PDB file of N, CA and C in Angstrom:
ATOM      1  N   MET A   1       7.193   8.689   3.800  1.00  0.00           N
ATOM      2  CA  MET A   1       8.546   8.210   3.332  1.00  0.00           C
ATOM      3  C   MET A   1       9.519   8.317   4.480  1.00  0.00           C
ATOM      4  N   ILE A   2      10.239   7.340   4.798  1.00  0.00           N
ATOM      5  CA  ILE A   2      11.256   7.343   5.852  1.00  0.00           C
ATOM      6  C   ILE A   2      12.585   7.847   5.262  1.00  0.00           C
ATOM      7  N   SER A   3      13.183   8.869   5.879  1.00  0.00           N
ATOM      8  CA  SER A   3      14.474   9.371   5.485  1.00  0.00           C
ATOM      9  C   SER A   3      15.508   8.764   6.301  1.00  0.00           C
ATOM     10  N   PRO A   4      16.801   8.801   5.851  1.00  0.00           N
ATOM     11  CA  PRO A   4      17.896   8.304   6.641  1.00  0.00           C
ATOM     12  C   PRO A   4      17.914   8.949   8.095  1.00  0.00           C
ATOM     13  N   ALA A   5      17.500  10.162   8.253  1.00  0.00           N
ATOM     14  CA  ALA A   5      17.504  10.797   9.597  1.00  0.00           C
ATOM     15  C   ALA A   5      16.432  10.138  10.487  1.00  0.00           C
ATOM     16  N   GLU A   6      15.446   9.526   9.962  1.00  0.00           N
ATOM     17  CA  GLU A   6      14.335   8.933  10.696  1.00  0.00           C
ATOM     18  C   GLU A   6      14.557   7.460  10.952  1.00  0.00           C
ATOM     19  N   THR A   7      15.661   6.903  10.406  1.00  0.00           N
ATOM     20  CA  THR A   7      15.838   5.384  10.504  1.00  0.00           C
ATOM     21  C   THR A   7      15.948   4.883  11.900  1.00  0.00           C
ATOM     22  N   ALA A   8      16.749   5.496  12.748  1.00  0.00           N
ATOM     23  CA  ALA A   8      16.892   5.015  14.091  1.00  0.00           C
ATOM     24  C   ALA A   8      15.558   5.076  14.869  1.00  0.00           C
ATOM     25  N   THR A   9      14.796   6.189  14.641  1.00  0.00           N
ATOM     26  CA  THR A   9      13.512   6.271  15.313  1.00  0.00           C
ATOM     27  C   THR A   9      12.560   5.173  14.892  1.00  0.00           C
ATOM     28  N   TYR A  10      12.545   4.877  13.593  1.00  0.00           N
ATOM     29  CA  TYR A  10      11.656   3.831  13.034  1.00  0.00           C
ATOM     30  C   TYR A  10      12.111   2.497  13.643  1.00  0.00           C
ATOM     31  N   LEU A  11      13.385   2.191  13.607  1.00  0.00           N
ATOM     32  CA  LEU A  11      13.922   0.948  14.137  1.00  0.00           C
ATOM     33  C   LEU A  11      13.558   0.741  15.622  1.00  0.00           C
ATOM     34  N   LEU A  12      13.670   1.813  16.381  1.00  0.00           N
ATOM     35  CA  LEU A  12      13.422   1.776  17.840  1.00  0.00           C
ATOM     36  C   LEU A  12      11.944   1.562  18.089  1.00  0.00           C
ATOM     37  N   GLU A  13      11.050   2.128  17.266  1.00  0.00           N
ATOM     38  CA  GLU A  13       9.651   1.940  17.365  1.00  0.00           C
ATOM     39  C   GLU A  13       9.298   0.507  17.068  1.00  0.00           C
ATOM     40  N   SER A  14       9.912  -0.091  16.053  1.00  0.00           N
ATOM     41  CA  SER A  14       9.596  -1.430  15.605  1.00  0.00           C
ATOM     42  C   SER A  14      10.279  -2.530  16.482  1.00  0.00           C
ATOM     43  N   LEU A  15      11.504  -2.181  16.908  1.00  0.00           N
ATOM     44  CA  LEU A  15      12.279  -3.197  17.688  1.00  0.00           C
ATOM     45  C   LEU A  15      12.857  -2.485  18.882  1.00  0.00           C
ATOM     46  N   PRO A  16      12.089  -2.246  19.979  1.00  0.00           N
ATOM     47  CA  PRO A  16      12.642  -1.523  21.173  1.00  0.00           C
ATOM     48  C   PRO A  16      13.859  -2.252  21.685  1.00  0.00           C
ATOM     49  N   GLU A  17      13.976  -3.517  21.515  1.00  0.00           N
ATOM     50  CA  GLU A  17      15.150  -4.295  22.030  1.00  0.00           C
ATOM     51  C   GLU A  17      16.490  -3.749  21.413  1.00  0.00           C
ATOM     52  N   LEU A  18      16.405  -3.034  20.368  1.00  0.00           N
ATOM     53  CA  LEU A  18      17.619  -2.455  19.683  1.00  0.00           C
ATOM     54  C   LEU A  18      18.143  -1.279  20.415  1.00  0.00           C
ATOM     55  N   GLY A  19      17.374  -0.704  21.345  1.00  0.00           N
ATOM     56  CA  GLY A  19      17.670   0.552  21.998  1.00  0.00           C
ATOM     57  C   GLY A  19      19.087   0.790  22.479  1.00  0.00           C
ATOM     58  N   PRO A  20      19.657  -0.065  23.289  1.00  0.00           N
ATOM     59  CA  PRO A  20      20.973   0.140  23.762  1.00  0.00           C
ATOM     60  C   PRO A  20      22.076   0.220  22.687  1.00  0.00           C
ATOM     61  N   GLU A  21      21.943  -0.627  21.650  1.00  0.00           N
ATOM     62  CA  GLU A  21      22.887  -0.674  20.592  1.00  0.00           C
ATOM     63  C   GLU A  21      22.794   0.542  19.673  1.00  0.00           C
ATOM     64  N   LEU A  22      21.498   0.950  19.363  1.00  0.00           N
ATOM     65  CA  LEU A  22      21.320   2.084  18.494  1.00  0.00           C
ATOM     66  C   LEU A  22      21.628   3.420  19.057  1.00  0.00           C
ATOM     67  N   GLN A  23      21.661   3.516  20.362  1.00  0.00           N
ATOM     68  CA  GLN A  23      21.758   4.798  21.023  1.00  0.00           C
ATOM     69  C   GLN A  23      23.185   5.067  21.432  1.00  0.00           C
ATOM     70  N   THR A  24      24.164   4.279  21.070  1.00  0.00           N
ATOM     71  CA  THR A  24      25.550   4.697  21.298  1.00  0.00           C
ATOM     72  C   THR A  24      25.934   5.781  20.336  1.00  0.00           C
ATOM     73  N   PRO A  25      26.775   6.689  20.838  1.00  0.00           N
ATOM     74  CA  PRO A  25      27.115   7.875  20.040  1.00  0.00           C
ATOM     75  C   PRO A  25      27.629   7.558  18.614  1.00  0.00           C
ATOM     76  N   THR A  26      28.436   6.478  18.454  1.00  0.00           N
ATOM     77  CA  THR A  26      28.966   6.099  17.187  1.00  0.00           C
ATOM     78  C   THR A  26      27.871   5.625  16.235  1.00  0.00           C
ATOM     79  N   THR A  27      26.972   4.759  16.756  1.00  0.00           N
ATOM     80  CA  THR A  27      25.888   4.211  15.944  1.00  0.00           C
ATOM     81  C   THR A  27      24.856   5.307  15.603  1.00  0.00           C
ATOM     82  N   ALA A  28      24.490   6.114  16.601  1.00  0.00           N
ATOM     83  CA  ALA A  28      23.473   7.097  16.415  1.00  0.00           C
ATOM     84  C   ALA A  28      23.803   8.095  15.240  1.00  0.00           C
ATOM     85  N   ALA A  29      25.083   8.322  15.073  1.00  0.00           N
ATOM     86  CA  ALA A  29      25.528   9.356  14.156  1.00  0.00           C
ATOM     87  C   ALA A  29      25.516   8.919  12.695  1.00  0.00           C
ATOM     88  N   SER A  30      25.332   7.638  12.405  1.00  0.00           N
ATOM     89  CA  SER A  30      25.474   7.113  11.037  1.00  0.00           C
ATOM     90  C   SER A  30      24.349   6.077  10.716  1.00  0.00           C
ATOM     91  N   VAL A  31      23.611   6.313   9.607  1.00  0.00           N
ATOM     92  CA  VAL A  31      22.617   5.447   9.148  1.00  0.00           C
ATOM     93  C   VAL A  31      23.245   4.055   8.776  1.00  0.00           C
ATOM     94  N   TYR A  32      24.456   4.132   8.273  1.00  0.00           N
ATOM     95  CA  TYR A  32      25.202   2.897   7.916  1.00  0.00           C
ATOM     96  C   TYR A  32      25.451   2.024   9.195  1.00  0.00           C
ATOM     97  N   GLN A  33      25.880   2.679  10.251  1.00  0.00           N
ATOM     98  CA  GLN A  33      26.132   2.032  11.545  1.00  0.00           C
ATOM     99  C   GLN A  33      24.801   1.517  12.111  1.00  0.00           C
ATOM    100  N   GLN A  34      23.688   2.232  11.976  1.00  0.00           N
ATOM    101  CA  GLN A  34      22.412   1.782  12.430  1.00  0.00           C
ATOM    102  C   GLN A  34      21.985   0.527  11.719  1.00  0.00           C
ATOM    103  N   LEU A  35      22.170   0.562  10.399  1.00  0.00           N
ATOM    104  CA  LEU A  35      21.715  -0.644   9.573  1.00  0.00           C
ATOM    105  C   LEU A  35      22.618  -1.844   9.834  1.00  0.00           C
ATOM    106  N   GLY A  36      23.986  -1.584  10.091  1.00  0.00           N
ATOM    107  CA  GLY A  36      24.836  -2.690  10.494  1.00  0.00           C
ATOM    108  C   GLY A  36      24.467  -3.255  11.825  1.00  0.00           C
ATOM    109  N   CYS A  37      24.093  -2.396  12.783  1.00  0.00           N
ATOM    110  CA  CYS A  37      23.634  -2.876  14.050  1.00  0.00           C
ATOM    111  C   CYS A  37      22.395  -3.683  13.987  1.00  0.00           C
ATOM    112  N   PHE A  38      21.461  -3.236  13.077  1.00  0.00           N
ATOM    113  CA  PHE A  38      20.192  -3.925  12.847  1.00  0.00           C
ATOM    114  C   PHE A  38      20.448  -5.245  12.261  1.00  0.00           C
ATOM    115  N   ALA A  39      21.357  -5.341  11.364  1.00  0.00           N
ATOM    116  CA  ALA A  39      21.755  -6.638  10.663  1.00  0.00           C
ATOM    117  C   ALA A  39      22.336  -7.584  11.732  1.00  0.00           C
ATOM    118  N   ALA A  40      23.203  -7.114  12.589  1.00  0.00           N
ATOM    119  CA  ALA A  40      23.796  -7.945  13.594  1.00  0.00           C
ATOM    120  C   ALA A  40      22.724  -8.469  14.603  1.00  0.00           C
ATOM    121  N   PHE A  41      21.767  -7.690  14.907  1.00  0.00           N
ATOM    122  CA  PHE A  41      20.622  -7.973  15.762  1.00  0.00           C
ATOM    123  C   PHE A  41      19.808  -9.093  15.104  1.00  0.00           C
ATOM    124  N   THR A  42      19.558  -8.931  13.775  1.00  0.00           N
ATOM    125  CA  THR A  42      18.818  -9.912  13.032  1.00  0.00           C
ATOM    126  C   THR A  42      19.548 -11.237  12.941  1.00  0.00           C
ATOM    127  N   ARG A  43      20.808 -11.135  12.670  1.00  0.00           N
ATOM    128  CA  ARG A  43      21.705 -12.348  12.645  1.00  0.00           C
ATOM    129  C   ARG A  43      21.707 -13.125  13.893  1.00  0.00           C
ATOM    130  N   THR A  44      21.741 -12.405  15.016  1.00  0.00           N
ATOM    131  CA  THR A  44      21.701 -13.019  16.359  1.00  0.00           C
ATOM    132  C   THR A  44      20.363 -13.726  16.560  1.00  0.00           C
ATOM    133  N   ALA A  45      19.325 -13.088  16.130  1.00  0.00           N
ATOM    134  CA  ALA A  45      17.973 -13.769  16.274  1.00  0.00           C
ATOM    135  C   ALA A  45      17.928 -15.080  15.405  1.00  0.00           C
ATOM    136  N   ALA A  46      18.528 -15.037  14.235  1.00  0.00           N
ATOM    137  CA  ALA A  46      18.584 -16.251  13.370  1.00  0.00           C
ATOM    138  C   ALA A  46      19.431 -17.352  14.081  1.00  0.00           C
ATOM    139  N   HIS A  47      20.595 -16.985  14.607  1.00  0.00           N
ATOM    140  CA  HIS A  47      21.500 -17.957  15.168  1.00  0.00           C
ATOM    141  C   HIS A  47      20.907 -18.543  16.482  1.00  0.00           C
ATOM    142  N   GLN A  48      20.145 -17.717  17.235  1.00  0.00           N
ATOM    143  CA  GLN A  48      19.503 -18.234  18.449  1.00  0.00           C
ATOM    144  C   GLN A  48      18.157 -18.994  18.174  1.00  0.00           C
ATOM    145  N   GLY A  49      17.726 -18.967  16.924  1.00  0.00           N
ATOM    146  CA  GLY A  49      16.489 -19.670  16.596  1.00  0.00           C
ATOM    147  C   GLY A  49      15.255 -18.912  17.083  1.00  0.00           C
ATOM    148  N   ARG A  50      15.295 -17.589  17.277  1.00  0.00           N
ATOM    149  CA  ARG A  50      14.219 -16.823  17.752  1.00  0.00           C
ATOM    150  C   ARG A  50      13.429 -16.380  16.514  1.00  0.00           C
ATOM    151  N   LEU A  51      12.570 -17.306  16.044  1.00  0.00           N
ATOM    152  CA  LEU A  51      11.887 -17.105  14.783  1.00  0.00           C
ATOM    153  C   LEU A  51      10.847 -16.002  14.731  1.00  0.00           C
ATOM    154  N   ALA A  52      10.181 -15.761  15.817  1.00  0.00           N
ATOM    155  CA  ALA A  52       9.183 -14.697  15.846  1.00  0.00           C
ATOM    156  C   ALA A  52       9.875 -13.301  15.733  1.00  0.00           C
ATOM    157  N   LEU A  53      11.023 -13.202  16.460  1.00  0.00           N
ATOM    158  CA  LEU A  53      11.806 -12.013  16.410  1.00  0.00           C
ATOM    159  C   LEU A  53      12.458 -11.889  15.062  1.00  0.00           C
ATOM    160  N   LEU A  54      12.903 -12.880  14.474  1.00  0.00           N
ATOM    161  CA  LEU A  54      13.550 -12.831  13.136  1.00  0.00           C
ATOM    162  C   LEU A  54      12.488 -12.363  12.097  1.00  0.00           C
ATOM    163  N   ARG A  55      11.339 -12.870  12.186  1.00  0.00           N
ATOM    164  CA  ARG A  55      10.239 -12.486  11.279  1.00  0.00           C
ATOM    165  C   ARG A  55       9.969 -10.999  11.462  1.00  0.00           C
ATOM    166  N   ARG A  56       9.922 -10.522  12.728  1.00  0.00           N
ATOM    167  CA  ARG A  56       9.702  -9.109  12.960  1.00  0.00           C
ATOM    168  C   ARG A  56      10.799  -8.238  12.384  1.00  0.00           C
ATOM    169  N   CYS A  57      12.087  -8.739  12.480  1.00  0.00           N
ATOM    170  CA  CYS A  57      13.195  -8.055  11.920  1.00  0.00           C
ATOM    171  C   CYS A  57      13.065  -7.922  10.381  1.00  0.00           C
ATOM    172  N   PHE A  58      12.669  -9.053   9.771  1.00  0.00           N
ATOM    173  CA  PHE A  58      12.554  -9.000   8.341  1.00  0.00           C
ATOM    174  C   PHE A  58      11.400  -8.149   7.853  1.00  0.00           C
ATOM    175  N   GLU A  59      10.313  -8.122   8.658  1.00  0.00           N
ATOM    176  CA  GLU A  59       9.143  -7.273   8.269  1.00  0.00           C
ATOM    177  C   GLU A  59       9.512  -5.776   8.476  1.00  0.00           C
ATOM    178  N   THR A  60      10.303  -5.450   9.485  1.00  0.00           N
ATOM    179  CA  THR A  60      10.794  -4.140   9.663  1.00  0.00           C
ATOM    180  C   THR A  60      11.724  -3.713   8.523  1.00  0.00           C
ATOM    181  N   ALA A  61      12.589  -4.538   8.137  1.00  0.00           N
ATOM    182  CA  ALA A  61      13.497  -4.255   6.965  1.00  0.00           C
ATOM    183  C   ALA A  61      12.688  -4.072   5.655  1.00  0.00           C
ATOM    184  N   ASP A  62      11.684  -4.945   5.444  1.00  0.00           N
ATOM    185  CA  ASP A  62      10.877  -4.832   4.288  1.00  0.00           C
ATOM    186  C   ASP A  62      10.059  -3.571   4.274  1.00  0.00           C
ATOM    187  N   HIS A  63       9.562  -3.198   5.419  1.00  0.00           N
ATOM    188  CA  HIS A  63       8.811  -1.864   5.551  1.00  0.00           C
ATOM    189  C   HIS A  63       9.805  -0.717   5.256  1.00  0.00           C
ATOM    190  N   LEU A  64      10.949  -0.797   5.804  1.00  0.00           N
ATOM    191  CA  LEU A  64      11.913   0.217   5.528  1.00  0.00           C
ATOM    192  C   LEU A  64      12.185   0.360   4.004  1.00  0.00           C
ATOM    193  N   LEU A  65      12.448  -0.796   3.409  1.00  0.00           N
ATOM    194  CA  LEU A  65      12.785  -0.831   1.963  1.00  0.00           C
ATOM    195  C   LEU A  65      11.564  -0.252   1.178  1.00  0.00           C
ATOM    196  N   ASP A  66      10.394  -0.512   1.621  1.00  0.00           N
ATOM    197  CA  ASP A  66       9.259  -0.089   0.899  1.00  0.00           C
ATOM    198  C   ASP A  66       8.922   1.434   1.059  1.00  0.00           C
ATOM    199  N   ARG A  67       9.261   1.931   2.240  1.00  0.00           N
ATOM    200  CA  ARG A  67       8.863   3.292   2.558  1.00  0.00           C
ATOM    201  C   ARG A  67      10.017   4.321   2.656  1.00  0.00           C
ATOM    202  N   CYS A  68      11.130   4.026   2.050  1.00  0.00           N
ATOM    203  CA  CYS A  68      12.209   4.891   2.243  1.00  0.00           C
ATOM    204  C   CYS A  68      12.626   5.552   0.911  1.00  0.00           C
ATOM    205  N   ASP A  69      13.431   6.571   0.962  1.00  0.00           N
ATOM    206  CA  ASP A  69      13.836   7.296  -0.244  1.00  0.00           C
ATOM    207  C   ASP A  69      14.979   6.401  -0.978  1.00  0.00           C
ATOM    208  N   ALA A  70      15.354   6.827  -2.142  1.00  0.00           N
ATOM    209  CA  ALA A  70      16.334   5.977  -2.941  1.00  0.00           C
ATOM    210  C   ALA A  70      17.635   5.769  -2.237  1.00  0.00           C
ATOM    211  N   GLY A  71      18.143   6.752  -1.572  1.00  0.00           N
ATOM    212  CA  GLY A  71      19.407   6.650  -0.869  1.00  0.00           C
ATOM    213  C   GLY A  71      19.326   5.596   0.278  1.00  0.00           C
ATOM    214  N   LEU A  72      18.304   5.703   1.074  1.00  0.00           N
ATOM    215  CA  LEU A  72      18.166   4.709   2.133  1.00  0.00           C
ATOM    216  C   LEU A  72      17.866   3.314   1.626  1.00  0.00           C
ATOM    217  N   SER A  73      17.129   3.240   0.529  1.00  0.00           N
ATOM    218  CA  SER A  73      16.878   1.904  -0.080  1.00  0.00           C
ATOM    219  C   SER A  73      18.225   1.244  -0.491  1.00  0.00           C
ATOM    220  N   ARG A  74      19.124   2.013  -1.097  1.00  0.00           N
ATOM    221  CA  ARG A  74      20.432   1.466  -1.441  1.00  0.00           C
ATOM    222  C   ARG A  74      21.201   1.086  -0.148  1.00  0.00           C
ATOM    223  N   ALA A  75      21.080   1.913   0.852  1.00  0.00           N
ATOM    224  CA  ALA A  75      21.805   1.509   2.172  1.00  0.00           C
ATOM    225  C   ALA A  75      21.239   0.219   2.759  1.00  0.00           C
ATOM    226  N   VAL A  76      19.917   0.066   2.714  1.00  0.00           N
ATOM    227  CA  VAL A  76      19.348  -1.213   3.215  1.00  0.00           C
ATOM    228  C   VAL A  76      19.890  -2.381   2.389  1.00  0.00           C
ATOM    229  N   GLU A  77      19.883  -2.184   1.141  1.00  0.00           N
ATOM    230  CA  GLU A  77      20.356  -3.318   0.196  1.00  0.00           C
ATOM    231  C   GLU A  77      21.898  -3.521   0.452  1.00  0.00           C
ATOM    232  N   ASN A  78      22.692  -2.446   0.488  1.00  0.00           N
ATOM    233  CA  ASN A  78      24.109  -2.621   0.548  1.00  0.00           C
ATOM    234  C   ASN A  78      24.688  -2.775   1.927  1.00  0.00           C
ATOM    235  N   VAL A  79      24.001  -2.440   2.911  1.00  0.00           N
ATOM    236  CA  VAL A  79      24.551  -2.533   4.323  1.00  0.00           C
ATOM    237  C   VAL A  79      23.733  -3.652   5.064  1.00  0.00           C
ATOM    238  N   TYR A  80      22.470  -3.437   5.254  1.00  0.00           N
ATOM    239  CA  TYR A  80      21.641  -4.412   5.991  1.00  0.00           C
ATOM    240  C   TYR A  80      21.680  -5.852   5.419  1.00  0.00           C
ATOM    241  N   LEU A  81      21.314  -5.892   4.191  1.00  0.00           N
ATOM    242  CA  LEU A  81      21.232  -7.202   3.474  1.00  0.00           C
ATOM    243  C   LEU A  81      22.613  -7.869   3.329  1.00  0.00           C
ATOM    244  N   HIS A  82      23.567  -7.017   3.078  1.00  0.00           N
ATOM    245  CA  HIS A  82      24.933  -7.569   2.860  1.00  0.00           C
ATOM    246  C   HIS A  82      25.531  -8.095   4.213  1.00  0.00           C
ATOM    247  N   CYS A  83      25.238  -7.419   5.264  1.00  0.00           N
ATOM    248  CA  CYS A  83      25.710  -7.797   6.581  1.00  0.00           C
ATOM    249  C   CYS A  83      25.024  -8.916   7.220  1.00  0.00           C
ATOM    250  N   LEU A  84      23.886  -9.395   6.661  1.00  0.00           N
ATOM    251  CA  LEU A  84      23.192 -10.513   7.326  1.00  0.00           C
ATOM    252  C   LEU A  84      23.955 -11.719   7.364  1.00  0.00           C
ATOM    253  N   HIS A  85      24.657 -12.050   6.365  1.00  0.00           N
ATOM    254  CA  HIS A  85      25.493 -13.301   6.326  1.00  0.00           C
ATOM    255  C   HIS A  85      24.667 -14.542   6.608  1.00  0.00           C
ATOM    256  N   LEU A  86      23.398 -14.574   6.132  1.00  0.00           N
ATOM    257  CA  LEU A  86      22.549 -15.699   6.402  1.00  0.00           C
ATOM    258  C   LEU A  86      22.717 -16.869   5.305  1.00  0.00           C
ATOM    259  N   ASP A  87      23.539 -16.577   4.319  1.00  0.00           N
ATOM    260  CA  ASP A  87      23.589 -17.499   3.197  1.00  0.00           C
ATOM    261  C   ASP A  87      24.734 -18.526   3.372  1.00  0.00           C
ATOM    262  N   GLY A  88      25.273 -18.628   4.537  1.00  0.00           N
ATOM    263  CA  GLY A  88      26.373 -19.593   4.822  1.00  0.00           C
ATOM    264  C   GLY A  88      25.969 -20.992   5.033  1.00  0.00           C
ATOM    265  N   SER A  89      24.667 -21.211   5.307  1.00  0.00           N
ATOM    266  CA  SER A  89      24.255 -22.593   5.524  1.00  0.00           C
ATOM    267  C   SER A  89      22.828 -22.796   4.922  1.00  0.00           C
ATOM    268  N   THR A  90      22.535 -24.029   4.631  1.00  0.00           N
ATOM    269  CA  THR A  90      21.231 -24.422   4.130  1.00  0.00           C
ATOM    270  C   THR A  90      20.150 -23.955   5.043  1.00  0.00           C
ATOM    271  N   HIS A  91      20.318 -24.147   6.347  1.00  0.00           N
ATOM    272  CA  HIS A  91      19.313 -23.739   7.305  1.00  0.00           C
ATOM    273  C   HIS A  91      19.031 -22.294   7.235  1.00  0.00           C
ATOM    274  N   HIS A  92      19.989 -21.453   7.227  1.00  0.00           N
ATOM    275  CA  HIS A  92      19.811 -19.965   7.147  1.00  0.00           C
ATOM    276  C   HIS A  92      19.198 -19.515   5.783  1.00  0.00           C
ATOM    277  N   THR A  93      19.565 -20.186   4.706  1.00  0.00           N
ATOM    278  CA  THR A  93      18.967 -19.892   3.420  1.00  0.00           C
ATOM    279  C   THR A  93      17.463 -20.214   3.470  1.00  0.00           C
ATOM    280  N   GLN A  94      17.141 -21.310   4.034  1.00  0.00           N
ATOM    281  CA  GLN A  94      15.740 -21.717   4.156  1.00  0.00           C
ATOM    282  C   GLN A  94      14.968 -20.702   5.084  1.00  0.00           C
ATOM    283  N   LEU A  95      15.607 -20.311   6.121  1.00  0.00           N
ATOM    284  CA  LEU A  95      14.934 -19.282   7.020  1.00  0.00           C
ATOM    285  C   LEU A  95      14.687 -18.003   6.189  1.00  0.00           C
ATOM    286  N   ALA A  96      15.690 -17.566   5.440  1.00  0.00           N
ATOM    287  CA  ALA A  96      15.439 -16.331   4.665  1.00  0.00           C
ATOM    288  C   ALA A  96      14.356 -16.501   3.687  1.00  0.00           C
ATOM    289  N   ARG A  97      14.310 -17.592   2.948  1.00  0.00           N
ATOM    290  CA  ARG A  97      13.237 -17.885   2.009  1.00  0.00           C
ATOM    291  C   ARG A  97      11.828 -17.982   2.603  1.00  0.00           C
ATOM    292  N   GLN A  98      11.785 -18.544   3.760  1.00  0.00           N
ATOM    293  CA  GLN A  98      10.484 -18.807   4.435  1.00  0.00           C
ATOM    294  C   GLN A  98      10.019 -17.606   5.197  1.00  0.00           C
ATOM    295  N   LEU A  99      10.866 -16.806   5.797  1.00  0.00           N
ATOM    296  CA  LEU A  99      10.417 -15.726   6.727  1.00  0.00           C
ATOM    297  C   LEU A  99      10.546 -14.399   6.149  1.00  0.00           C
ATOM    298  N   MET A 100      11.364 -14.117   5.065  1.00  0.00           N
ATOM    299  CA  MET A 100      11.446 -12.808   4.549  1.00  0.00           C
ATOM    300  C   MET A 100      10.211 -12.556   3.708  1.00  0.00           C
ATOM    301  N   PRO A 101       9.584 -11.318   3.759  1.00  0.00           N
ATOM    302  CA  PRO A 101       8.636 -10.941   2.758  1.00  0.00           C
ATOM    303  C   PRO A 101       9.172 -11.012   1.362  1.00  0.00           C
ATOM    304  N   ALA A 102       8.340 -11.133   0.406  1.00  0.00           N
ATOM    305  CA  ALA A 102       8.820 -11.396  -0.987  1.00  0.00           C
ATOM    306  C   ALA A 102       9.707 -10.276  -1.533  1.00  0.00           C
ATOM    307  N   ARG A 103       9.351  -8.998  -1.353  1.00  0.00           N
ATOM    308  CA  ARG A 103      10.176  -7.846  -1.846  1.00  0.00           C
ATOM    309  C   ARG A 103      11.590  -7.935  -1.186  1.00  0.00           C
ATOM    310  N   LEU A 104      11.664  -8.151   0.130  1.00  0.00           N
ATOM    311  CA  LEU A 104      12.928  -8.159   0.800  1.00  0.00           C
ATOM    312  C   LEU A 104      13.774  -9.365   0.275  1.00  0.00           C
ATOM    313  N   TYR A 105      13.067 -10.477   0.089  1.00  0.00           N
ATOM    314  CA  TYR A 105      13.872 -11.708  -0.334  1.00  0.00           C
ATOM    315  C   TYR A 105      14.401 -11.495  -1.732  1.00  0.00           C
ATOM    316  N   ARG A 106      13.646 -10.851  -2.645  1.00  0.00           N
ATOM    317  CA  ARG A 106      14.121 -10.532  -3.976  1.00  0.00           C
ATOM    318  C   ARG A 106      15.367  -9.696  -3.889  1.00  0.00           C
ATOM    319  N   ALA A 107      15.335  -8.661  -3.051  1.00  0.00           N
ATOM    320  CA  ALA A 107      16.517  -7.806  -2.892  1.00  0.00           C
ATOM    321  C   ALA A 107      17.661  -8.574  -2.257  1.00  0.00           C
ATOM    322  N   TYR A 108      17.406  -9.470  -1.348  1.00  0.00           N
ATOM    323  CA  TYR A 108      18.431 -10.237  -0.660  1.00  0.00           C
ATOM    324  C   TYR A 108      19.052 -11.240  -1.662  1.00  0.00           C
ATOM    325  N   HIS A 109      18.212 -11.831  -2.433  1.00  0.00           N
ATOM    326  CA  HIS A 109      18.644 -12.969  -3.327  1.00  0.00           C
ATOM    327  C   HIS A 109      19.278 -12.420  -4.621  1.00  0.00           C
ATOM    328  N   ALA A 110      18.954 -11.245  -5.063  1.00  0.00           N
ATOM    329  CA  ALA A 110      19.427 -10.696  -6.327  1.00  0.00           C
ATOM    330  C   ALA A 110      21.020 -10.762  -6.495  1.00  0.00           C
ATOM    331  N   PRO A 111      21.787 -10.304  -5.547  1.00  0.00           N
ATOM    332  CA  PRO A 111      23.220 -10.404  -5.716  1.00  0.00           C
ATOM    333  C   PRO A 111      23.788 -11.862  -5.786  1.00  0.00           C
ATOM    334  N   HIS A 112      23.069 -12.783  -5.147  1.00  0.00           N
ATOM    335  CA  HIS A 112      23.519 -14.192  -5.137  1.00  0.00           C
ATOM    336  C   HIS A 112      23.134 -14.923  -6.319  1.00  0.00           C
ATOM    337  N   ALA A 113      22.105 -14.466  -7.007  1.00  0.00           N
ATOM    338  CA  ALA A 113      21.548 -15.157  -8.183  1.00  0.00           C
ATOM    339  C   ALA A 113      22.496 -15.062  -9.364  1.00  0.00           C
ATOM    340  N   ASN A 114      23.326 -14.065  -9.492  1.00  0.00           N
ATOM    341  CA  ASN A 114      24.260 -13.823 -10.610  1.00  0.00           C
ATOM    342  C   ASN A 114      25.591 -14.380 -10.322  1.00  0.00           C
ATOM    343  N   MET A 115      25.845 -15.005  -9.211  1.00  0.00           N
ATOM    344  CA  MET A 115      27.217 -15.521  -8.902  1.00  0.00           C
ATOM    345  C   MET A 115      27.415 -16.839  -9.623  1.00  0.00           C
ATOM    346  N   LEU A 116      28.618 -17.023 -10.091  1.00  0.00           N
ATOM    347  CA  LEU A 116      29.020 -18.310 -10.714  1.00  0.00           C
ATOM    348  C   LEU A 116      29.316 -19.313  -9.615  1.00  0.00           C
ATOM    349  N   PRO A 117      29.023 -20.630  -9.901  1.00  0.00           N
ATOM    350  CA  PRO A 117      29.324 -21.607  -8.875  1.00  0.00           C
ATOM    351  C   PRO A 117      30.758 -21.753  -8.468  1.00  0.00           C
TER     352      PRO A 117
END
């Protein structure tokens, strides 16, 4: 089980490219900042069309969601998924649906499914 204290280590092992951003003093001190940084990194991969990296980001987030405690699970849902902002266009919605593992997509889609048009 991954705890909030182990989040940065797990992210760095899975995505070494995140190193410089995750290791700043402000980000390193807060799991919420770490997840926000991870969301920004994921969003950049989507905007740049780096699909292999985007898939790796989604798989990392899915693994985090699957292997974390309840508090970290809520943080992933409330910070990482909320900060993705991939639902602004048809293209990004399709990317999420096609590249996200099923569990992560359900967590991502749940808040949007109950919204009124």
